[in-house]
ModelCIF file with pLDDT and N, C-alpha, C, O atoms, coordinates in Angstrom:
data_MODEL
#
_entry.id   MODEL 
#
_entity.id                         1 
_entity.type                       polymer 
_entity.pdbx_number_of_molecules   1 
#
_entity_poly.entity_id                      1 
_entity_poly.type                           'polypeptide(L)' 
_entity_poly.nstd_linkage                   no 
_entity_poly.nstd_monomer                   no 
_entity_poly.pdbx_seq_one_letter_code       LSKFDASKITVTGHSLGAAIGLIDSVFLHLQLPKAAIRFVGYG 
_entity_poly.pdbx_seq_one_letter_code_can   LSKFDASKITVTGHSLGAAIGLIDSVFLHLQLPKAAIRFVGYG 
_entity_poly.pdbx_strand_id                 A 
#
loop_
_entity_poly_seq.entity_id 
_entity_poly_seq.num 
_entity_poly_seq.mon_id 
_entity_poly_seq.hetero 
1 1  LEU n 
1 2  SER n 
1 3  LYS n 
1 4  PHE n 
1 5  ASP n 
1 6  ALA n 
1 7  SER n 
1 8  LYS n 
1 9  ILE n 
1 10 THR n 
1 11 VAL n 
1 12 THR n 
1 13 GLY n 
1 14 HIS n 
1 15 SER n 
1 16 LEU n 
1 17 GLY n 
1 18 ALA n 
1 19 ALA n 
1 20 ILE n 
1 21 GLY n 
1 22 LEU n 
1 23 ILE n 
1 24 ASP n 
1 25 SER n 
1 26 VAL n 
1 27 PHE n 
1 28 LEU n 
1 29 HIS n 
1 30 LEU n 
1 31 GLN n 
1 32 LEU n 
1 33 PRO n 
1 34 LYS n 
1 35 ALA n 
1 36 ALA n 
1 37 ILE n 
1 38 ARG n 
1 39 PHE n 
1 40 VAL n 
1 41 GLY n 
1 42 TYR n 
1 43 GLY n 
#
_struct_asym.id          A 
_struct_asym.entity_id   1 
#
loop_
_ma_qa_metric.id 
_ma_qa_metric.mode 
_ma_qa_metric.name 
_ma_qa_metric.software_group_id 
_ma_qa_metric.type 
1 global pLDDT . pLDDT 
2 local  pLDDT . pLDDT 
#
_ma_qa_metric_global.metric_id      1 
_ma_qa_metric_global.metric_value   97.51 
_ma_qa_metric_global.model_id       1 
_ma_qa_metric_global.ordinal_id     1 
#
loop_
_ma_qa_metric_local.label_asym_id 
_ma_qa_metric_local.label_comp_id 
_ma_qa_metric_local.label_seq_id 
_ma_qa_metric_local.metric_id 
_ma_qa_metric_local.metric_value 
_ma_qa_metric_local.model_id 
_ma_qa_metric_local.ordinal_id 
A LEU 1  2 98.00 1 1  
A SER 2  2 98.00 1 2  
A LYS 3  2 98.00 1 3  
A PHE 4  2 98.00 1 4  
A ASP 5  2 98.00 1 5  
A ALA 6  2 98.00 1 6  
A SER 7  2 98.00 1 7  
A LYS 8  2 98.00 1 8  
A ILE 9  2 98.00 1 9  
A THR 10 2 98.00 1 10 
A VAL 11 2 98.00 1 11 
A THR 12 2 98.00 1 12 
A GLY 13 2 98.00 1 13 
A HIS 14 2 96.00 1 14 
A SER 15 2 94.00 1 15 
A LEU 16 2 94.00 1 16 
A GLY 17 2 96.00 1 17 
A ALA 18 2 97.00 1 18 
A ALA 19 2 96.00 1 19 
A ILE 20 2 97.00 1 20 
A GLY 21 2 98.00 1 21 
A LEU 22 2 98.00 1 22 
A ILE 23 2 98.00 1 23 
A ASP 24 2 98.00 1 24 
A SER 25 2 98.00 1 25 
A VAL 26 2 98.00 1 26 
A PHE 27 2 98.00 1 27 
A LEU 28 2 98.00 1 28 
A HIS 29 2 98.00 1 29 
A LEU 30 2 98.00 1 30 
A GLN 31 2 98.00 1 31 
A LEU 32 2 98.00 1 32 
A PRO 33 2 97.00 1 33 
A LYS 34 2 97.00 1 34 
A ALA 35 2 98.00 1 35 
A ALA 36 2 98.00 1 36 
A ILE 37 2 98.00 1 37 
A ARG 38 2 98.00 1 38 
A PHE 39 2 98.00 1 39 
A VAL 40 2 98.00 1 40 
A GLY 41 2 98.00 1 41 
A TYR 42 2 97.00 1 42 
A GLY 43 2 96.00 1 43 
#
loop_
_atom_site.group_PDB 
_atom_site.id 
_atom_site.type_symbol 
_atom_site.label_atom_id 
_atom_site.label_alt_id 
_atom_site.label_comp_id 
_atom_site.label_asym_id 
_atom_site.label_entity_id 
_atom_site.label_seq_id 
_atom_site.pdbx_PDB_ins_code 
_atom_site.Cartn_x 
_atom_site.Cartn_y 
_atom_site.Cartn_z 
_atom_site.occupancy 
_atom_site.B_iso_or_equiv 
_atom_site.pdbx_formal_charge 
_atom_site.auth_seq_id 
_atom_site.auth_comp_id 
_atom_site.auth_asym_id 
_atom_site.auth_atom_id 
_atom_site.pdbx_PDB_model_num 
ATOM 1   N N  . LEU A 1 1  ? 0.827   -1.205  0.000  1.00 98.00 ? 1  LEU A N  1 
ATOM 2   C CA . LEU A 1 1  ? 0.000   0.000   0.000  1.00 98.00 ? 1  LEU A CA 1 
ATOM 3   C C  . LEU A 1 1  ? 0.863   1.256   0.000  1.00 98.00 ? 1  LEU A C  1 
ATOM 4   O O  . LEU A 1 1  ? 0.588   2.216   -0.720 1.00 98.00 ? 1  LEU A O  1 
ATOM 5   N N  . SER A 1 2  ? 1.904   1.232   0.816  1.00 98.00 ? 2  SER A N  1 
ATOM 6   C CA . SER A 1 2  ? 2.791   2.379   0.922  1.00 98.00 ? 2  SER A CA 1 
ATOM 7   C C  . SER A 1 2  ? 3.654   2.546   -0.331 1.00 98.00 ? 2  SER A C  1 
ATOM 8   O O  . SER A 1 2  ? 3.780   3.647   -0.866 1.00 98.00 ? 2  SER A O  1 
ATOM 9   N N  . LYS A 1 3  ? 4.234   1.461   -0.783 1.00 98.00 ? 3  LYS A N  1 
ATOM 10  C CA . LYS A 1 3  ? 5.167   1.518   -1.912 1.00 98.00 ? 3  LYS A CA 1 
ATOM 11  C C  . LYS A 1 3  ? 4.496   1.982   -3.194 1.00 98.00 ? 3  LYS A C  1 
ATOM 12  O O  . LYS A 1 3  ? 5.083   2.726   -3.980 1.00 98.00 ? 3  LYS A O  1 
ATOM 13  N N  . PHE A 1 4  ? 3.258   1.538   -3.401 1.00 98.00 ? 4  PHE A N  1 
ATOM 14  C CA . PHE A 1 4  ? 2.577   1.839   -4.654 1.00 98.00 ? 4  PHE A CA 1 
ATOM 15  C C  . PHE A 1 4  ? 1.464   2.877   -4.490 1.00 98.00 ? 4  PHE A C  1 
ATOM 16  O O  . PHE A 1 4  ? 0.676   3.106   -5.407 1.00 98.00 ? 4  PHE A O  1 
ATOM 17  N N  . ASP A 1 5  ? 1.412   3.496   -3.317 1.00 98.00 ? 5  ASP A N  1 
ATOM 18  C CA . ASP A 1 5  ? 0.401   4.513   -3.040 1.00 98.00 ? 5  ASP A CA 1 
ATOM 19  C C  . ASP A 1 5  ? -0.990  3.996   -3.400 1.00 98.00 ? 5  ASP A C  1 
ATOM 20  O O  . ASP A 1 5  ? -1.770  4.685   -4.058 1.00 98.00 ? 5  ASP A O  1 
ATOM 21  N N  . ALA A 1 6  ? -1.283  2.798   -2.968 1.00 98.00 ? 6  ALA A N  1 
ATOM 22  C CA . ALA A 1 6  ? -2.538  2.134   -3.309 1.00 98.00 ? 6  ALA A CA 1 
ATOM 23  C C  . ALA A 1 6  ? -3.533  2.245   -2.164 1.00 98.00 ? 6  ALA A C  1 
ATOM 24  O O  . ALA A 1 6  ? -3.161  2.508   -1.020 1.00 98.00 ? 6  ALA A O  1 
ATOM 25  N N  . SER A 1 7  ? -4.793  2.042   -2.488 1.00 98.00 ? 7  SER A N  1 
ATOM 26  C CA . SER A 1 7  ? -5.843  2.081   -1.461 1.00 98.00 ? 7  SER A CA 1 
ATOM 27  C C  . SER A 1 7  ? -6.812  0.911   -1.591 1.00 98.00 ? 7  SER A C  1 
ATOM 28  O O  . SER A 1 7  ? -7.725  0.772   -0.776 1.00 98.00 ? 7  SER A O  1 
ATOM 29  N N  . LYS A 1 8  ? -6.626  0.068   -2.605 1.00 98.00 ? 8  LYS A N  1 
ATOM 30  C CA . LYS A 1 8  ? -7.527  -1.058  -2.852 1.00 98.00 ? 8  LYS A CA 1 
ATOM 31  C C  . LYS A 1 8  ? -6.793  -2.376  -2.645 1.00 98.00 ? 8  LYS A C  1 
ATOM 32  O O  . LYS A 1 8  ? -5.642  -2.535  -3.051 1.00 98.00 ? 8  LYS A O  1 
ATOM 33  N N  . ILE A 1 9  ? -7.481  -3.319  -2.005 1.00 98.00 ? 9  ILE A N  1 
ATOM 34  C CA . ILE A 1 9  ? -6.924  -4.655  -1.751 1.00 98.00 ? 9  ILE A CA 1 
ATOM 35  C C  . ILE A 1 9  ? -7.947  -5.682  -2.208 1.00 98.00 ? 9  ILE A C  1 
ATOM 36  O O  . ILE A 1 9  ? -9.120  -5.601  -1.843 1.00 98.00 ? 9  ILE A O  1 
ATOM 37  N N  . THR A 1 10 ? -7.506  -6.646  -3.006 1.00 98.00 ? 10 THR A N  1 
ATOM 38  C CA . THR A 1 10 ? -8.364  -7.778  -3.351 1.00 98.00 ? 10 THR A CA 1 
ATOM 39  C C  . THR A 1 10 ? -7.717  -9.055  -2.827 1.00 98.00 ? 10 THR A C  1 
ATOM 40  O O  . THR A 1 10 ? -6.551  -9.338  -3.104 1.00 98.00 ? 10 THR A O  1 
ATOM 41  N N  . VAL A 1 11 ? -8.492  -9.815  -2.069 1.00 98.00 ? 11 VAL A N  1 
ATOM 42  C CA . VAL A 1 11 ? -8.037  -11.083 -1.502 1.00 98.00 ? 11 VAL A CA 1 
ATOM 43  C C  . VAL A 1 11 ? -8.719  -12.199 -2.276 1.00 98.00 ? 11 VAL A C  1 
ATOM 44  O O  . VAL A 1 11 ? -9.925  -12.149 -2.517 1.00 98.00 ? 11 VAL A O  1 
ATOM 45  N N  . THR A 1 12 ? -7.945  -13.208 -2.665 1.00 98.00 ? 12 THR A N  1 
ATOM 46  C CA . THR A 1 12 ? -8.516  -14.292 -3.448 1.00 98.00 ? 12 THR A CA 1 
ATOM 47  C C  . THR A 1 12 ? -7.953  -15.631 -3.015 1.00 98.00 ? 12 THR A C  1 
ATOM 48  O O  . THR A 1 12 ? -6.971  -15.699 -2.277 1.00 98.00 ? 12 THR A O  1 
ATOM 49  N N  . GLY A 1 13 ? -8.587  -16.691 -3.484 1.00 98.00 ? 13 GLY A N  1 
ATOM 50  C CA . GLY A 1 13 ? -8.151  -18.039 -3.165 1.00 98.00 ? 13 GLY A CA 1 
ATOM 51  C C  . GLY A 1 13 ? -9.194  -19.031 -3.633 1.00 98.00 ? 13 GLY A C  1 
ATOM 52  O O  . GLY A 1 13 ? -10.311 -18.658 -3.992 1.00 98.00 ? 13 GLY A O  1 
ATOM 53  N N  . HIS A 1 14 ? -8.819  -20.286 -3.624 1.00 96.00 ? 14 HIS A N  1 
ATOM 54  C CA . HIS A 1 14 ? -9.696  -21.369 -4.066 1.00 96.00 ? 14 HIS A CA 1 
ATOM 55  C C  . HIS A 1 14 ? -9.785  -22.406 -2.965 1.00 96.00 ? 14 HIS A C  1 
ATOM 56  O O  . HIS A 1 14 ? -8.772  -22.752 -2.357 1.00 96.00 ? 14 HIS A O  1 
ATOM 57  N N  . SER A 1 15 ? -10.990 -22.910 -2.699 1.00 94.00 ? 15 SER A N  1 
ATOM 58  C CA . SER A 1 15 ? -11.178 -23.998 -1.751 1.00 94.00 ? 15 SER A CA 1 
ATOM 59  C C  . SER A 1 15 ? -10.767 -23.552 -0.342 1.00 94.00 ? 15 SER A C  1 
ATOM 60  O O  . SER A 1 15 ? -11.295 -22.558 0.156  1.00 94.00 ? 15 SER A O  1 
ATOM 61  N N  . LEU A 1 16 ? -9.852  -24.250 0.302  1.00 94.00 ? 16 LEU A N  1 
ATOM 62  C CA . LEU A 1 16 ? -9.337  -23.822 1.598  1.00 94.00 ? 16 LEU A CA 1 
ATOM 63  C C  . LEU A 1 16 ? -8.758  -22.416 1.509  1.00 94.00 ? 16 LEU A C  1 
ATOM 64  O O  . LEU A 1 16 ? -8.883  -21.625 2.443  1.00 94.00 ? 16 LEU A O  1 
ATOM 65  N N  . GLY A 1 17 ? -8.119  -22.107 0.374  1.00 96.00 ? 17 GLY A N  1 
ATOM 66  C CA . GLY A 1 17 ? -7.560  -20.774 0.179  1.00 96.00 ? 17 GLY A CA 1 
ATOM 67  C C  . GLY A 1 17 ? -8.632  -19.703 0.152  1.00 96.00 ? 17 GLY A C  1 
ATOM 68  O O  . GLY A 1 17 ? -8.401  -18.580 0.601  1.00 96.00 ? 17 GLY A O  1 
ATOM 69  N N  . ALA A 1 18 ? -9.811  -20.040 -0.373 1.00 97.00 ? 18 ALA A N  1 
ATOM 70  C CA . ALA A 1 18 ? -10.925 -19.094 -0.362 1.00 97.00 ? 18 ALA A CA 1 
ATOM 71  C C  . ALA A 1 18 ? -11.423 -18.881 1.059  1.00 97.00 ? 18 ALA A C  1 
ATOM 72  O O  . ALA A 1 18 ? -11.749 -17.759 1.446  1.00 97.00 ? 18 ALA A O  1 
ATOM 73  N N  . ALA A 1 19 ? -11.483 -19.964 1.840  1.00 96.00 ? 19 ALA A N  1 
ATOM 74  C CA . ALA A 1 19 ? -11.912 -19.847 3.241  1.00 96.00 ? 19 ALA A CA 1 
ATOM 75  C C  . ALA A 1 19 ? -10.953 -18.973 4.033  1.00 96.00 ? 19 ALA A C  1 
ATOM 76  O O  . ALA A 1 19 ? -11.379 -18.096 4.786  1.00 96.00 ? 19 ALA A O  1 
ATOM 77  N N  . ILE A 1 20 ? -9.658  -19.214 3.861  1.00 97.00 ? 20 ILE A N  1 
ATOM 78  C CA . ILE A 1 20 ? -8.658  -18.374 4.530  1.00 97.00 ? 20 ILE A CA 1 
ATOM 79  C C  . ILE A 1 20 ? -8.800  -16.932 4.051  1.00 97.00 ? 20 ILE A C  1 
ATOM 80  O O  . ILE A 1 20 ? -8.715  -15.990 4.838  1.00 97.00 ? 20 ILE A O  1 
ATOM 81  N N  . GLY A 1 21 ? -9.016  -16.780 2.745  1.00 98.00 ? 21 GLY A N  1 
ATOM 82  C CA . GLY A 1 21 ? -9.127  -15.450 2.166  1.00 98.00 ? 21 GLY A CA 1 
ATOM 83  C C  . GLY A 1 21 ? -10.313 -14.659 2.690  1.00 98.00 ? 21 GLY A C  1 
ATOM 84  O O  . GLY A 1 21 ? -10.205 -13.451 2.904  1.00 98.00 ? 21 GLY A O  1 
ATOM 85  N N  . LEU A 1 22 ? -11.449 -15.326 2.900  1.00 98.00 ? 22 LEU A N  1 
ATOM 86  C CA . LEU A 1 22 ? -12.614 -14.626 3.420  1.00 98.00 ? 22 LEU A CA 1 
ATOM 87  C C  . LEU A 1 22 ? -12.339 -14.117 4.834  1.00 98.00 ? 22 LEU A C  1 
ATOM 88  O O  . LEU A 1 22 ? -12.659 -12.975 5.163  1.00 98.00 ? 22 LEU A O  1 
ATOM 89  N N  . ILE A 1 23 ? -11.742 -14.973 5.667  1.00 98.00 ? 23 ILE A N  1 
ATOM 90  C CA . ILE A 1 23 ? -11.382 -14.544 7.025  1.00 98.00 ? 23 ILE A CA 1 
ATOM 91  C C  . ILE A 1 23 ? -10.326 -13.440 6.965  1.00 98.00 ? 23 ILE A C  1 
ATOM 92  O O  . ILE A 1 23 ? -10.364 -12.493 7.750  1.00 98.00 ? 23 ILE A O  1 
ATOM 93  N N  . ASP A 1 24 ? -9.393  -13.568 6.035  1.00 98.00 ? 24 ASP A N  1 
ATOM 94  C CA . ASP A 1 24 ? -8.349  -12.561 5.867  1.00 98.00 ? 24 ASP A CA 1 
ATOM 95  C C  . ASP A 1 24 ? -8.940  -11.211 5.463  1.00 98.00 ? 24 ASP A C  1 
ATOM 96  O O  . ASP A 1 24 ? -8.438  -10.164 5.871  1.00 98.00 ? 24 ASP A O  1 
ATOM 97  N N  . SER A 1 25 ? -9.996  -11.235 4.668  1.00 98.00 ? 25 SER A N  1 
ATOM 98  C CA . SER A 1 25 ? -10.639 -9.985  4.242  1.00 98.00 ? 25 SER A CA 1 
ATOM 99  C C  . SER A 1 25 ? -11.201 -9.236  5.443  1.00 98.00 ? 25 SER A C  1 
ATOM 100 O O  . SER A 1 25 ? -11.078 -8.015  5.534  1.00 98.00 ? 25 SER A O  1 
ATOM 101 N N  . VAL A 1 26 ? -11.818 -9.972  6.364  1.00 98.00 ? 26 VAL A N  1 
ATOM 102 C CA . VAL A 1 26 ? -12.329 -9.363  7.587  1.00 98.00 ? 26 VAL A CA 1 
ATOM 103 C C  . VAL A 1 26 ? -11.170 -8.815  8.419  1.00 98.00 ? 26 VAL A C  1 
ATOM 104 O O  . VAL A 1 26 ? -11.225 -7.690  8.917  1.00 98.00 ? 26 VAL A O  1 
ATOM 105 N N  . PHE A 1 27 ? -10.123 -9.626  8.561  1.00 98.00 ? 27 PHE A N  1 
ATOM 106 C CA . PHE A 1 27 ? -8.930  -9.236  9.323  1.00 98.00 ? 27 PHE A CA 1 
ATOM 107 C C  . PHE A 1 27 ? -8.303  -7.963  8.748  1.00 98.00 ? 27 PHE A C  1 
ATOM 108 O O  . PHE A 1 27 ? -7.984  -7.039  9.495  1.00 98.00 ? 27 PHE A O  1 
ATOM 109 N N  . LEU A 1 28 ? -8.127  -7.913  7.431  1.00 98.00 ? 28 LEU A N  1 
ATOM 110 C CA . LEU A 1 28 ? -7.493  -6.751  6.805  1.00 98.00 ? 28 LEU A CA 1 
ATOM 111 C C  . LEU A 1 28 ? -8.372  -5.507  6.927  1.00 98.00 ? 28 LEU A C  1 
ATOM 112 O O  . LEU A 1 28 ? -7.861  -4.400  7.090  1.00 98.00 ? 28 LEU A O  1 
ATOM 113 N N  . HIS A 1 29 ? -9.679  -5.685  6.851  1.00 98.00 ? 29 HIS A N  1 
ATOM 114 C CA . HIS A 1 29 ? -10.568 -4.534  7.040  1.00 98.00 ? 29 HIS A CA 1 
ATOM 115 C C  . HIS A 1 29 ? -10.406 -3.952  8.445  1.00 98.00 ? 29 HIS A C  1 
ATOM 116 O O  . HIS A 1 29 ? -10.352 -2.733  8.609  1.00 98.00 ? 29 HIS A O  1 
ATOM 117 N N  . LEU A 1 30 ? -10.329 -4.812  9.448  1.00 98.00 ? 30 LEU A N  1 
ATOM 118 C CA . LEU A 1 30 ? -10.201 -4.330  10.824 1.00 98.00 ? 30 LEU A CA 1 
ATOM 119 C C  . LEU A 1 30 ? -8.842  -3.681  11.068 1.00 98.00 ? 30 LEU A C  1 
ATOM 120 O O  . LEU A 1 30 ? -8.735  -2.709  11.816 1.00 98.00 ? 30 LEU A O  1 
ATOM 121 N N  . GLN A 1 31 ? -7.809  -4.225  10.432 1.00 98.00 ? 31 GLN A N  1 
ATOM 122 C CA . GLN A 1 31 ? -6.459  -3.693  10.629 1.00 98.00 ? 31 GLN A CA 1 
ATOM 123 C C  . GLN A 1 31 ? -6.172  -2.474  9.756  1.00 98.00 ? 31 GLN A C  1 
ATOM 124 O O  . GLN A 1 31 ? -5.353  -1.629  10.117 1.00 98.00 ? 31 GLN A O  1 
ATOM 125 N N  . LEU A 1 32 ? -6.846  -2.382  8.607  1.00 98.00 ? 32 LEU A N  1 
ATOM 126 C CA . LEU A 1 32 ? -6.606  -1.304  7.643  1.00 98.00 ? 32 LEU A CA 1 
ATOM 127 C C  . LEU A 1 32 ? -7.952  -0.703  7.227  1.00 98.00 ? 32 LEU A C  1 
ATOM 128 O O  . LEU A 1 32 ? -8.352  -0.822  6.069  1.00 98.00 ? 32 LEU A O  1 
ATOM 129 N N  . PRO A 1 33 ? -8.639  -0.068  8.153  1.00 97.00 ? 33 PRO A N  1 
ATOM 130 C CA . PRO A 1 33 ? -10.025 0.359   7.897  1.00 97.00 ? 33 PRO A CA 1 
ATOM 131 C C  . PRO A 1 33 ? -10.184 1.391   6.787  1.00 97.00 ? 33 PRO A C  1 
ATOM 132 O O  . PRO A 1 33 ? -11.291 1.564   6.276  1.00 97.00 ? 33 PRO A O  1 
ATOM 133 N N  . LYS A 1 34 ? -9.123  2.077   6.398  1.00 97.00 ? 34 LYS A N  1 
ATOM 134 C CA . LYS A 1 34 ? -9.231  3.072   5.333  1.00 97.00 ? 34 LYS A CA 1 
ATOM 135 C C  . LYS A 1 34 ? -9.102  2.454   3.939  1.00 97.00 ? 34 LYS A C  1 
ATOM 136 O O  . LYS A 1 34 ? -9.404  3.109   2.942  1.00 97.00 ? 34 LYS A O  1 
ATOM 137 N N  . ALA A 1 35 ? -8.656  1.202   3.866  1.00 98.00 ? 35 ALA A N  1 
ATOM 138 C CA . ALA A 1 35 ? -8.493  0.531   2.570  1.00 98.00 ? 35 ALA A CA 1 
ATOM 139 C C  . ALA A 1 35 ? -9.826  -0.021  2.082  1.00 98.00 ? 35 ALA A C  1 
ATOM 140 O O  . ALA A 1 35 ? -10.678 -0.406  2.883  1.00 98.00 ? 35 ALA A O  1 
ATOM 141 N N  . ALA A 1 36 ? -9.999  -0.057  0.769  1.00 98.00 ? 36 ALA A N  1 
ATOM 142 C CA . ALA A 1 36 ? -11.170 -0.680  0.151  1.00 98.00 ? 36 ALA A CA 1 
ATOM 143 C C  . ALA A 1 36 ? -10.850 -2.155  -0.068 1.00 98.00 ? 36 ALA A C  1 
ATOM 144 O O  . ALA A 1 36 ? -9.929  -2.489  -0.813 1.00 98.00 ? 36 ALA A O  1 
ATOM 145 N N  . ILE A 1 37 ? -11.606 -3.033  0.576  1.00 98.00 ? 37 ILE A N  1 
ATOM 146 C CA . ILE A 1 37 ? -11.323 -4.469  0.552  1.00 98.00 ? 37 ILE A CA 1 
ATOM 147 C C  . ILE A 1 37 ? -12.321 -5.192  -0.348 1.00 98.00 ? 37 ILE A C  1 
ATOM 148 O O  . ILE A 1 37 ? -13.527 -4.957  -0.276 1.00 98.00 ? 37 ILE A O  1 
ATOM 149 N N  . ARG A 1 38 ? -11.805 -6.063  -1.185 1.00 98.00 ? 38 ARG A N  1 
ATOM 150 C CA . ARG A 1 38 ? -12.640 -6.922  -2.023 1.00 98.00 ? 38 ARG A CA 1 
ATOM 151 C C  . ARG A 1 38 ? -12.204 -8.365  -1.833 1.00 98.00 ? 38 ARG A C  1 
ATOM 152 O O  . ARG A 1 38 ? -11.011 -8.649  -1.722 1.00 98.00 ? 38 ARG A O  1 
ATOM 153 N N  . PHE A 1 39 ? -13.169 -9.275  -1.796 1.00 98.00 ? 39 PHE A N  1 
ATOM 154 C CA . PHE A 1 39 ? -12.880 -10.712 -1.726 1.00 98.00 ? 39 PHE A CA 1 
ATOM 155 C C  . PHE A 1 39 ? -13.484 -11.395 -2.940 1.00 98.00 ? 39 PHE A C  1 
ATOM 156 O O  . PHE A 1 39 ? -14.663 -11.215 -3.246 1.00 98.00 ? 39 PHE A O  1 
ATOM 157 N N  . VAL A 1 40 ? -12.659 -12.187 -3.633 1.00 98.00 ? 40 VAL A N  1 
ATOM 158 C CA . VAL A 1 40 ? -13.126 -13.004 -4.755 1.00 98.00 ? 40 VAL A CA 1 
ATOM 159 C C  . VAL A 1 40 ? -12.637 -14.428 -4.502 1.00 98.00 ? 40 VAL A C  1 
ATOM 160 O O  . VAL A 1 40 ? -11.445 -14.712 -4.620 1.00 98.00 ? 40 VAL A O  1 
ATOM 161 N N  . GLY A 1 41 ? -13.565 -15.322 -4.153 1.00 98.00 ? 41 GLY A N  1 
ATOM 162 C CA . GLY A 1 41 ? -13.198 -16.696 -3.823 1.00 98.00 ? 41 GLY A CA 1 
ATOM 163 C C  . GLY A 1 41 ? -13.825 -17.685 -4.787 1.00 98.00 ? 41 GLY A C  1 
ATOM 164 O O  . GLY A 1 41 ? -14.863 -17.417 -5.391 1.00 98.00 ? 41 GLY A O  1 
ATOM 165 N N  . TYR A 1 42 ? -13.171 -18.842 -4.921 1.00 97.00 ? 42 TYR A N  1 
ATOM 166 C CA . TYR A 1 42 ? -13.627 -19.891 -5.837 1.00 97.00 ? 42 TYR A CA 1 
ATOM 167 C C  . TYR A 1 42 ? -13.783 -21.201 -5.061 1.00 97.00 ? 42 TYR A C  1 
ATOM 168 O O  . TYR A 1 42 ? -12.893 -21.600 -4.309 1.00 97.00 ? 42 TYR A O  1 
ATOM 169 N N  . GLY A 1 43 ? -14.929 -21.865 -5.257 1.00 96.00 ? 43 GLY A N  1 
ATOM 170 C CA . GLY A 1 43 ? -15.159 -23.134 -4.566 1.00 96.00 ? 43 GLY A CA 1 
ATOM 171 C C  . GLY A 1 43 ? -15.119 -22.969 -3.058 1.00 96.00 ? 43 GLY A C  1 
ATOM 172 O O  . GLY A 1 43 ? -15.294 -23.943 -2.325 1.00 96.00 ? 43 GLY A O  1 
#
């Protein structure tokens, strides 16, 4: 975020990775509340 002056985060994964990613999306929102968080999971 700092290096690229970014404000958007997309978390992704498949299967177990999608499950981890969904929880990670909540975690990142709480830790980085000013960032725009998106989750795209498969299976």
